[in-house]
Amino acid sequence: ISKSGGVTYFENSVKDRFTISRDNA
């Protein structure tokens, strides 16, 4: 996940199952 959270990348085998997120605060 990018610094601001606006861009995310996933490995193909998990992209439909996993979610990455961040709370910078």
PDB file of all heavy atoms in Angstrom:
ATOM      1  N   ILE A   1       0.846  -1.184   0.000  1.00  0.00           N
ATOM      2  CA  ILE A   1       0.000   0.000   0.000  1.00  0.00           C
ATOM      3  C   ILE A   1       0.881   1.233   0.000  1.00  0.00           C
ATOM      4  O   ILE A   1       1.920   1.280   0.666  1.00  0.00           O
ATOM      5  CB  ILE A   1      -0.976  -0.019   1.205  1.00  0.00           C
ATOM      6  CG1 ILE A   1      -1.999   1.112   1.104  1.00  0.00           C
ATOM      7  CG2 ILE A   1      -0.213   0.036   2.525  1.00  0.00           C
ATOM      8  CD1 ILE A   1      -3.171   0.933   2.061  1.00  0.00           C
ATOM      9  N   SER A   2       0.467   2.239  -0.745  1.00  0.00           N
ATOM     10  CA  SER A   2       1.247   3.454  -0.874  1.00  0.00           C
ATOM     11  C   SER A   2       1.175   4.288   0.397  1.00  0.00           C
ATOM     12  O   SER A   2       0.410   4.004   1.322  1.00  0.00           O
ATOM     13  CB  SER A   2       0.758   4.272  -2.072  1.00  0.00           C
ATOM     14  OG  SER A   2      -0.599   4.659  -1.905  1.00  0.00           O
ATOM     15  N   LYS A   3       1.970   5.351   0.427  1.00  0.00           N
ATOM     16  CA  LYS A   3       2.096   6.165   1.628  1.00  0.00           C
ATOM     17  C   LYS A   3       0.771   6.745   2.109  1.00  0.00           C
ATOM     18  O   LYS A   3       0.505   6.804   3.315  1.00  0.00           O
ATOM     19  CB  LYS A   3       3.100   7.290   1.384  1.00  0.00           C
ATOM     20  CG  LYS A   3       4.501   6.806   1.080  1.00  0.00           C
ATOM     21  CD  LYS A   3       5.394   7.956   0.660  1.00  0.00           C
ATOM     22  CE  LYS A   3       6.779   7.452   0.297  1.00  0.00           C
ATOM     23  NZ  LYS A   3       7.660   8.567  -0.139  1.00  0.00           N
ATOM     24  N   SER A   4      -0.045   7.170   1.174  1.00  0.00           N
ATOM     25  CA  SER A   4      -1.338   7.754   1.512  1.00  0.00           C
ATOM     26  C   SER A   4      -2.468   6.735   1.510  1.00  0.00           C
ATOM     27  O   SER A   4      -3.593   7.067   1.892  1.00  0.00           O
ATOM     28  CB  SER A   4      -1.666   8.881   0.541  1.00  0.00           C
ATOM     29  OG  SER A   4      -1.840   8.384  -0.772  1.00  0.00           O
ATOM     30  N   GLY A   5      -2.182   5.526   1.061  1.00  0.00           N
ATOM     31  CA  GLY A   5      -3.194   4.499   0.989  1.00  0.00           C
ATOM     32  C   GLY A   5      -3.966   4.466  -0.307  1.00  0.00           C
ATOM     33  O   GLY A   5      -4.883   3.646  -0.455  1.00  0.00           O
ATOM     34  N   GLY A   6      -3.611   5.310  -1.254  1.00  0.00           N
ATOM     35  CA  GLY A   6      -4.375   5.416  -2.480  1.00  0.00           C
ATOM     36  C   GLY A   6      -4.093   4.349  -3.516  1.00  0.00           C
ATOM     37  O   GLY A   6      -4.888   4.177  -4.439  1.00  0.00           O
ATOM     38  N   VAL A   7      -2.979   3.659  -3.393  1.00  0.00           N
ATOM     39  CA  VAL A   7      -2.592   2.629  -4.344  1.00  0.00           C
ATOM     40  C   VAL A   7      -2.311   1.347  -3.583  1.00  0.00           C
ATOM     41  O   VAL A   7      -1.606   1.361  -2.571  1.00  0.00           O
ATOM     42  CB  VAL A   7      -1.352   3.047  -5.148  1.00  0.00           C
ATOM     43  CG1 VAL A   7      -0.918   1.932  -6.091  1.00  0.00           C
ATOM     44  CG2 VAL A   7      -1.625   4.320  -5.929  1.00  0.00           C
ATOM     45  N   THR A   8      -2.864   0.254  -4.060  1.00  0.00           N
ATOM     46  CA  THR A   8      -2.601  -1.048  -3.455  1.00  0.00           C
ATOM     47  C   THR A   8      -2.237  -2.059  -4.523  1.00  0.00           C
ATOM     48  O   THR A   8      -2.743  -2.016  -5.646  1.00  0.00           O
ATOM     49  CB  THR A   8      -3.814  -1.559  -2.662  1.00  0.00           C
ATOM     50  OG1 THR A   8      -4.957  -1.639  -3.518  1.00  0.00           O
ATOM     51  CG2 THR A   8      -4.121  -0.631  -1.501  1.00  0.00           C
ATOM     52  N   TYR A   9      -1.351  -2.983  -4.174  1.00  0.00           N
ATOM     53  CA  TYR A   9      -0.949  -4.087  -5.027  1.00  0.00           C
ATOM     54  C   TYR A   9      -1.164  -5.383  -4.273  1.00  0.00           C
ATOM     55  O   TYR A   9      -0.995  -5.445  -3.052  1.00  0.00           O
ATOM     56  CB  TYR A   9       0.531  -3.998  -5.413  1.00  0.00           C
ATOM     57  CG  TYR A   9       0.955  -2.777  -6.175  1.00  0.00           C
ATOM     58  CD1 TYR A   9       2.240  -2.258  -5.991  1.00  0.00           C
ATOM     59  CD2 TYR A   9       0.117  -2.150  -7.083  1.00  0.00           C
ATOM     60  CE1 TYR A   9       2.660  -1.145  -6.694  1.00  0.00           C
ATOM     61  CE2 TYR A   9       0.524  -1.028  -7.778  1.00  0.00           C
ATOM     62  CZ  TYR A   9       1.804  -0.532  -7.586  1.00  0.00           C
ATOM     63  OH  TYR A   9       2.215   0.572  -8.285  1.00  0.00           O
ATOM     64  N   PHE A  10      -1.496  -6.441  -5.004  1.00  0.00           N
ATOM     65  CA  PHE A  10      -1.702  -7.754  -4.411  1.00  0.00           C
ATOM     66  C   PHE A  10      -1.064  -8.831  -5.268  1.00  0.00           C
ATOM     67  O   PHE A  10      -1.047  -8.738  -6.498  1.00  0.00           O
ATOM     68  CB  PHE A  10      -3.188  -8.076  -4.262  1.00  0.00           C
ATOM     69  CG  PHE A  10      -3.927  -7.157  -3.338  1.00  0.00           C
ATOM     70  CD1 PHE A  10      -4.571  -6.040  -3.824  1.00  0.00           C
ATOM     71  CD2 PHE A  10      -3.979  -7.415  -1.979  1.00  0.00           C
ATOM     72  CE1 PHE A  10      -5.252  -5.180  -2.986  1.00  0.00           C
ATOM     73  CE2 PHE A  10      -4.657  -6.563  -1.125  1.00  0.00           C
ATOM     74  CZ  PHE A  10      -5.297  -5.443  -1.627  1.00  0.00           C
ATOM     75  N   GLU A  11      -0.565  -9.852  -4.612  1.00  0.00           N
ATOM     76  CA  GLU A  11      -0.167 -11.052  -5.314  1.00  0.00           C
ATOM     77  C   GLU A  11      -1.426 -11.684  -5.903  1.00  0.00           C
ATOM     78  O   GLU A  11      -2.495 -11.663  -5.284  1.00  0.00           O
ATOM     79  CB  GLU A  11       0.546 -11.994  -4.357  1.00  0.00           C
ATOM     80  CG  GLU A  11       1.323 -13.119  -5.028  1.00  0.00           C
ATOM     81  CD  GLU A  11       0.442 -14.297  -5.363  1.00  0.00           C
ATOM     82  OE1 GLU A  11      -0.477 -14.609  -4.583  1.00  0.00           O
ATOM     83  OE2 GLU A  11       0.681 -14.921  -6.423  1.00  0.00           O
ATOM     84  N   ASN A  12      -1.303 -12.251  -7.083  1.00  0.00           N
ATOM     85  CA  ASN A  12      -2.491 -12.689  -7.810  1.00  0.00           C
ATOM     86  C   ASN A  12      -3.338 -13.712  -7.055  1.00  0.00           C
ATOM     87  O   ASN A  12      -4.565 -13.686  -7.141  1.00  0.00           O
ATOM     88  CB  ASN A  12      -2.101 -13.254  -9.170  1.00  0.00           C
ATOM     89  CG  ASN A  12      -1.716 -12.186 -10.157  1.00  0.00           C
ATOM     90  OD1 ASN A  12      -2.138 -11.036 -10.045  1.00  0.00           O
ATOM     91  ND2 ASN A  12      -0.919 -12.559 -11.149  1.00  0.00           N
ATOM     92  N   SER A  13      -2.702 -14.584  -6.309  1.00  0.00           N
ATOM     93  CA  SER A  13      -3.446 -15.636  -5.632  1.00  0.00           C
ATOM     94  C   SER A  13      -4.262 -15.139  -4.448  1.00  0.00           C
ATOM     95  O   SER A  13      -5.120 -15.864  -3.943  1.00  0.00           O
ATOM     96  CB  SER A  13      -2.494 -16.747  -5.177  1.00  0.00           C
ATOM     97  OG  SER A  13      -1.667 -16.318  -4.112  1.00  0.00           O
ATOM     98  N   VAL A  14      -4.020 -13.907  -4.010  1.00  0.00           N
ATOM     99  CA  VAL A  14      -4.739 -13.389  -2.848  1.00  0.00           C
ATOM    100  C   VAL A  14      -5.593 -12.173  -3.165  1.00  0.00           C
ATOM    101  O   VAL A  14      -6.364 -11.732  -2.310  1.00  0.00           O
ATOM    102  CB  VAL A  14      -3.774 -13.038  -1.691  1.00  0.00           C
ATOM    103  CG1 VAL A  14      -2.848 -14.206  -1.387  1.00  0.00           C
ATOM    104  CG2 VAL A  14      -2.976 -11.775  -1.995  1.00  0.00           C
ATOM    105  N   LYS A  15      -5.497 -11.628  -4.356  1.00  0.00           N
ATOM    106  CA  LYS A  15      -6.087 -10.322  -4.630  1.00  0.00           C
ATOM    107  C   LYS A  15      -7.610 -10.296  -4.512  1.00  0.00           C
ATOM    108  O   LYS A  15      -8.190  -9.229  -4.270  1.00  0.00           O
ATOM    109  CB  LYS A  15      -5.647  -9.808  -6.002  1.00  0.00           C
ATOM    110  CG  LYS A  15      -6.230 -10.526  -7.191  1.00  0.00           C
ATOM    111  CD  LYS A  15      -5.652  -9.950  -8.477  1.00  0.00           C
ATOM    112  CE  LYS A  15      -6.293 -10.572  -9.705  1.00  0.00           C
ATOM    113  NZ  LYS A  15      -7.701 -10.164  -9.831  1.00  0.00           N
ATOM    114  N   ASP A  16      -8.270 -11.413  -4.669  1.00  0.00           N
ATOM    115  CA  ASP A  16      -9.716 -11.478  -4.517  1.00  0.00           C
ATOM    116  C   ASP A  16     -10.147 -11.842  -3.107  1.00  0.00           C
ATOM    117  O   ASP A  16     -11.348 -11.912  -2.822  1.00  0.00           O
ATOM    118  CB  ASP A  16     -10.313 -12.480  -5.509  1.00  0.00           C
ATOM    119  CG  ASP A  16     -10.131 -12.063  -6.948  1.00  0.00           C
ATOM    120  OD1 ASP A  16     -10.177 -10.849  -7.222  1.00  0.00           O
ATOM    121  OD2 ASP A  16      -9.945 -12.945  -7.801  1.00  0.00           O
ATOM    122  N   ARG A  17      -9.174 -12.066  -2.236  1.00  0.00           N
ATOM    123  CA  ARG A  17      -9.483 -12.522  -0.885  1.00  0.00           C
ATOM    124  C   ARG A  17      -8.932 -11.613   0.203  1.00  0.00           C
ATOM    125  O   ARG A  17      -9.499 -11.553   1.294  1.00  0.00           O
ATOM    126  CB  ARG A  17      -8.933 -13.940  -0.672  1.00  0.00           C
ATOM    127  CG  ARG A  17      -9.510 -14.965  -1.643  1.00  0.00           C
ATOM    128  CD  ARG A  17      -8.976 -16.356  -1.342  1.00  0.00           C
ATOM    129  NE  ARG A  17      -7.547 -16.464  -1.615  1.00  0.00           N
ATOM    130  CZ  ARG A  17      -6.640 -16.834  -0.713  1.00  0.00           C
ATOM    131  NH1 ARG A  17      -7.009 -17.131   0.528  1.00  0.00           N
ATOM    132  NH2 ARG A  17      -5.360 -16.924  -1.056  1.00  0.00           N
ATOM    133  N   PHE A  18      -7.817 -10.942  -0.070  1.00  0.00           N
ATOM    134  CA  PHE A  18      -7.143 -10.125   0.933  1.00  0.00           C
ATOM    135  C   PHE A  18      -7.326  -8.650   0.627  1.00  0.00           C
ATOM    136  O   PHE A  18      -7.437  -8.238  -0.530  1.00  0.00           O
ATOM    137  CB  PHE A  18      -5.641 -10.425   0.966  1.00  0.00           C
ATOM    138  CG  PHE A  18      -5.263 -11.790   1.477  1.00  0.00           C
ATOM    139  CD1 PHE A  18      -6.205 -12.770   1.725  1.00  0.00           C
ATOM    140  CD2 PHE A  18      -3.928 -12.082   1.706  1.00  0.00           C
ATOM    141  CE1 PHE A  18      -5.841 -14.023   2.190  1.00  0.00           C
ATOM    142  CE2 PHE A  18      -3.548 -13.328   2.176  1.00  0.00           C
ATOM    143  CZ  PHE A  18      -4.504 -14.298   2.414  1.00  0.00           C
ATOM    144  N   THR A  19      -7.304  -7.839   1.677  1.00  0.00           N
ATOM    145  CA  THR A  19      -7.355  -6.395   1.549  1.00  0.00           C
ATOM    146  C   THR A  19      -6.290  -5.779   2.449  1.00  0.00           C
ATOM    147  O   THR A  19      -6.177  -6.160   3.610  1.00  0.00           O
ATOM    148  CB  THR A  19      -8.737  -5.843   1.939  1.00  0.00           C
ATOM    149  OG1 THR A  19      -9.739  -6.409   1.093  1.00  0.00           O
ATOM    150  CG2 THR A  19      -8.764  -4.324   1.788  1.00  0.00           C
ATOM    151  N   ILE A  20      -5.530  -4.850   1.905  1.00  0.00           N
ATOM    152  CA  ILE A  20      -4.559  -4.114   2.700  1.00  0.00           C
ATOM    153  C   ILE A  20      -5.080  -2.699   2.906  1.00  0.00           C
ATOM    154  O   ILE A  20      -5.669  -2.105   2.001  1.00  0.00           O
ATOM    155  CB  ILE A  20      -3.163  -4.113   2.040  1.00  0.00           C
ATOM    156  CG1 ILE A  20      -2.113  -3.500   2.976  1.00  0.00           C
ATOM    157  CG2 ILE A  20      -3.182  -3.412   0.690  1.00  0.00           C
ATOM    158  CD1 ILE A  20      -0.682  -3.681   2.484  1.00  0.00           C
ATOM    159  N   SER A  21      -4.879  -2.176   4.098  1.00  0.00           N
ATOM    160  CA  SER A  21      -5.300  -0.822   4.401  1.00  0.00           C
ATOM    161  C   SER A  21      -4.347  -0.233   5.438  1.00  0.00           C
ATOM    162  O   SER A  21      -3.542  -0.953   6.033  1.00  0.00           O
ATOM    163  CB  SER A  21      -6.748  -0.791   4.910  1.00  0.00           C
ATOM    164  OG  SER A  21      -6.881  -1.543   6.105  1.00  0.00           O
ATOM    165  N   ARG A  22      -4.443   1.064   5.627  1.00  0.00           N
ATOM    166  CA  ARG A  22      -3.602   1.702   6.636  1.00  0.00           C
ATOM    167  C   ARG A  22      -4.339   2.855   7.281  1.00  0.00           C
ATOM    168  O   ARG A  22      -5.226   3.474   6.683  1.00  0.00           O
ATOM    169  CB  ARG A  22      -2.274   2.185   6.034  1.00  0.00           C
ATOM    170  CG  ARG A  22      -2.396   3.325   5.045  1.00  0.00           C
ATOM    171  CD  ARG A  22      -1.083   3.553   4.302  1.00  0.00           C
ATOM    172  NE  ARG A  22      -0.029   4.002   5.203  1.00  0.00           N
ATOM    173  CZ  ARG A  22       1.272   3.965   4.909  1.00  0.00           C
ATOM    174  NH1 ARG A  22       1.675   3.475   3.741  1.00  0.00           N
ATOM    175  NH2 ARG A  22       2.163   4.402   5.792  1.00  0.00           N
ATOM    176  N   ASP A  23      -3.976   3.124   8.509  1.00  0.00           N
ATOM    177  CA  ASP A  23      -4.498   4.252   9.260  1.00  0.00           C
ATOM    178  C   ASP A  23      -3.286   5.030   9.735  1.00  0.00           C
ATOM    179  O   ASP A  23      -2.661   4.675  10.738  1.00  0.00           O
ATOM    180  CB  ASP A  23      -5.359   3.791  10.428  1.00  0.00           C
ATOM    181  CG  ASP A  23      -6.046   4.934  11.143  1.00  0.00           C
ATOM    182  OD1 ASP A  23      -5.582   6.084  11.034  1.00  0.00           O
ATOM    183  OD2 ASP A  23      -7.056   4.681  11.826  1.00  0.00           O
ATOM    184  N   ASN A  24      -2.943   6.069   9.003  1.00  0.00           N
ATOM    185  CA  ASN A  24      -1.727   6.808   9.323  1.00  0.00           C
ATOM    186  C   ASN A  24      -1.815   7.526  10.664  1.00  0.00           C
ATOM    187  O   ASN A  24      -0.796   7.753  11.315  1.00  0.00           O
ATOM    188  CB  ASN A  24      -1.408   7.799   8.200  1.00  0.00           C
ATOM    189  CG  ASN A  24      -0.868   7.111   6.969  1.00  0.00           C
ATOM    190  OD1 ASN A  24      -0.526   5.932   6.993  1.00  0.00           O
ATOM    191  ND2 ASN A  24      -0.790   7.853   5.866  1.00  0.00           N
ATOM    192  N   ALA A  25      -3.019   7.886  11.078  1.00  0.00           N
ATOM    193  CA  ALA A  25      -3.192   8.520  12.381  1.00  0.00           C
ATOM    194  C   ALA A  25      -2.863   7.565  13.517  1.00  0.00           C
ATOM    195  O   ALA A  25      -2.496   8.001  14.612  1.00  0.00           O
ATOM    196  CB  ALA A  25      -4.607   9.056  12.531  1.00  0.00           C
TER     197      ALA A  25
END
